[in-house]
Protein backbone atom coordinates (compact mmCIF):
# COMPACT_ATOMS: atom_id res chain seq x y z
CA MET A 1 4.70 -6.98 14.02
CA ASP A 2 6.15 -3.81 12.55
CA LEU A 3 5.28 -3.47 8.86
CA LEU A 4 6.69 0.07 8.69
CA GLN A 5 10.04 -1.55 7.84
CA TYR A 6 8.63 -2.29 4.38
CA LEU A 7 7.87 1.32 3.48
CA PRO A 8 10.12 2.57 0.69
CA ASP A 9 12.25 5.72 0.77
CA ASP A 10 10.11 7.22 -2.00
CA SER A 11 7.11 6.27 -4.07
CA ARG A 12 9.00 5.04 -7.15
CA SER A 13 12.46 3.68 -6.28
CA TRP A 14 11.21 0.20 -5.45
CA ILE A 15 9.25 -0.37 -8.68
CA GLN A 16 12.04 -1.52 -11.02
CA SER A 17 13.27 -4.23 -8.67
CA TYR A 18 9.75 -5.60 -8.33
CA ILE A 19 9.25 -5.55 -12.10
CA GLU A 20 12.36 -7.70 -12.34
CA GLN A 21 11.12 -10.06 -9.59
CA VAL A 22 7.44 -10.53 -10.50
CA GLY A 23 7.01 -8.94 -13.92
CA MET A 24 5.23 -5.80 -15.02
CA GLU A 25 1.82 -7.45 -15.44
CA ARG A 26 1.68 -8.98 -11.97
CA LEU A 27 3.01 -5.82 -10.33
CA THR A 28 0.47 -3.61 -12.16
CA GLU A 29 -2.35 -6.01 -11.31
CA TYR A 30 -1.39 -6.08 -7.62
CA TYR A 31 -0.92 -2.30 -7.41
CA ASP A 32 -4.31 -1.73 -9.05
CA LYS A 33 -5.99 -4.03 -6.49
CA VAL A 34 -4.38 -2.14 -3.61
CA PHE A 35 -5.28 1.22 -5.15
CA ILE A 36 -8.94 0.26 -5.59
CA GLU A 37 -9.17 -1.26 -2.09
CA LEU A 38 -7.85 1.96 -0.55
CA TYR A 39 -9.77 4.31 -2.81
CA GLU A 40 -13.08 2.61 -2.04
CA MET A 41 -12.62 2.81 1.73
CA LEU A 42 -15.20 5.01 3.43
CA PRO A 43 -14.33 7.54 6.13
CA GLY A 44 -13.94 5.68 9.41
CA GLU A 45 -13.15 2.37 7.68
CA SER A 46 -9.94 0.48 8.39
CA PHE A 47 -7.98 -2.19 6.57
CA ARG A 48 -6.25 -4.72 8.81
CA VAL A 49 -3.18 -5.81 6.91
CA LEU A 50 -2.35 -8.89 9.03
CA GLU A 51 -5.89 -10.25 8.48
CA LYS A 52 -6.15 -9.58 4.72
CA VAL A 53 -2.64 -9.83 3.27
CA SER A 54 -0.55 -12.99 3.17
CA PRO A 55 2.80 -12.64 4.97
CA GLU A 56 4.84 -13.21 1.81
CA ASN A 57 3.20 -10.10 0.31
CA TYR A 58 3.70 -7.68 3.23
CA GLY A 59 6.66 -5.95 1.56
CA LEU A 60 4.94 -5.50 -1.80
CA PHE A 61 1.68 -4.50 -0.17
CA MET A 62 3.23 -1.80 1.98
CA LYS A 63 5.21 -0.41 -0.94
CA CYS A 64 2.03 -0.26 -2.99
CA VAL A 65 0.16 1.43 -0.11
CA TYR A 66 2.87 4.07 0.18
CA SER A 67 2.82 4.76 -3.55
CA CYS A 68 -1.00 4.90 -3.59
CA LEU A 69 -1.05 7.39 -0.74
CA CYS A 70 1.49 9.53 -2.57
CA GLU A 71 -0.69 9.37 -5.66
CA PHE A 72 -3.77 10.28 -3.61
CA ASP A 73 -1.90 13.33 -2.29
CA LEU A 74 -1.58 14.57 -5.89
CA TYR A 75 -5.39 14.74 -5.98
CA ASP A 76 -5.62 16.26 -2.49
CA ILE A 77 -7.00 13.05 -0.99
CA CYS A 78 -5.21 13.18 2.33
CA SER A 79 -7.46 11.30 4.72
CA TYR A 80 -5.47 8.05 4.99
CA TYR A 81 -3.23 7.05 7.86
CA ILE A 82 -0.89 4.15 8.49
CA GLU A 83 -1.27 3.15 12.13
CA GLU A 84 -0.36 0.45 14.65
CA GLN A 85 3.14 -0.08 13.24
CA GLY A 86 1.79 -0.39 9.73
CA THR A 87 -0.73 -3.11 10.49
CA VAL A 88 -3.77 -0.86 10.01
CA ILE A 89 -4.62 1.50 7.19
CA LEU A 90 -7.29 3.95 8.32
CA ARG A 91 -9.34 6.45 6.39
CA ARG A 92 -10.63 9.32 8.49
């Protein structure tokens, strides 16, 4: 499965359409969960998307991941990688 297809063109363009679909509260809650999950990963740890995310949330999850990684870059946290066609998030 290739989850890279769900990555947005930029870190913000997708947000408005998801606010309209699921509402601001649900989107913020979901984004915060993804942010915390990624932020708390230790070096060498991986997150296996297919095992932990329900298929109906792949698109939203990958968009949140992309935006989180862009946000991490602002704080010079650049040790995250999207691998195996987007099915694994790895912190090195």
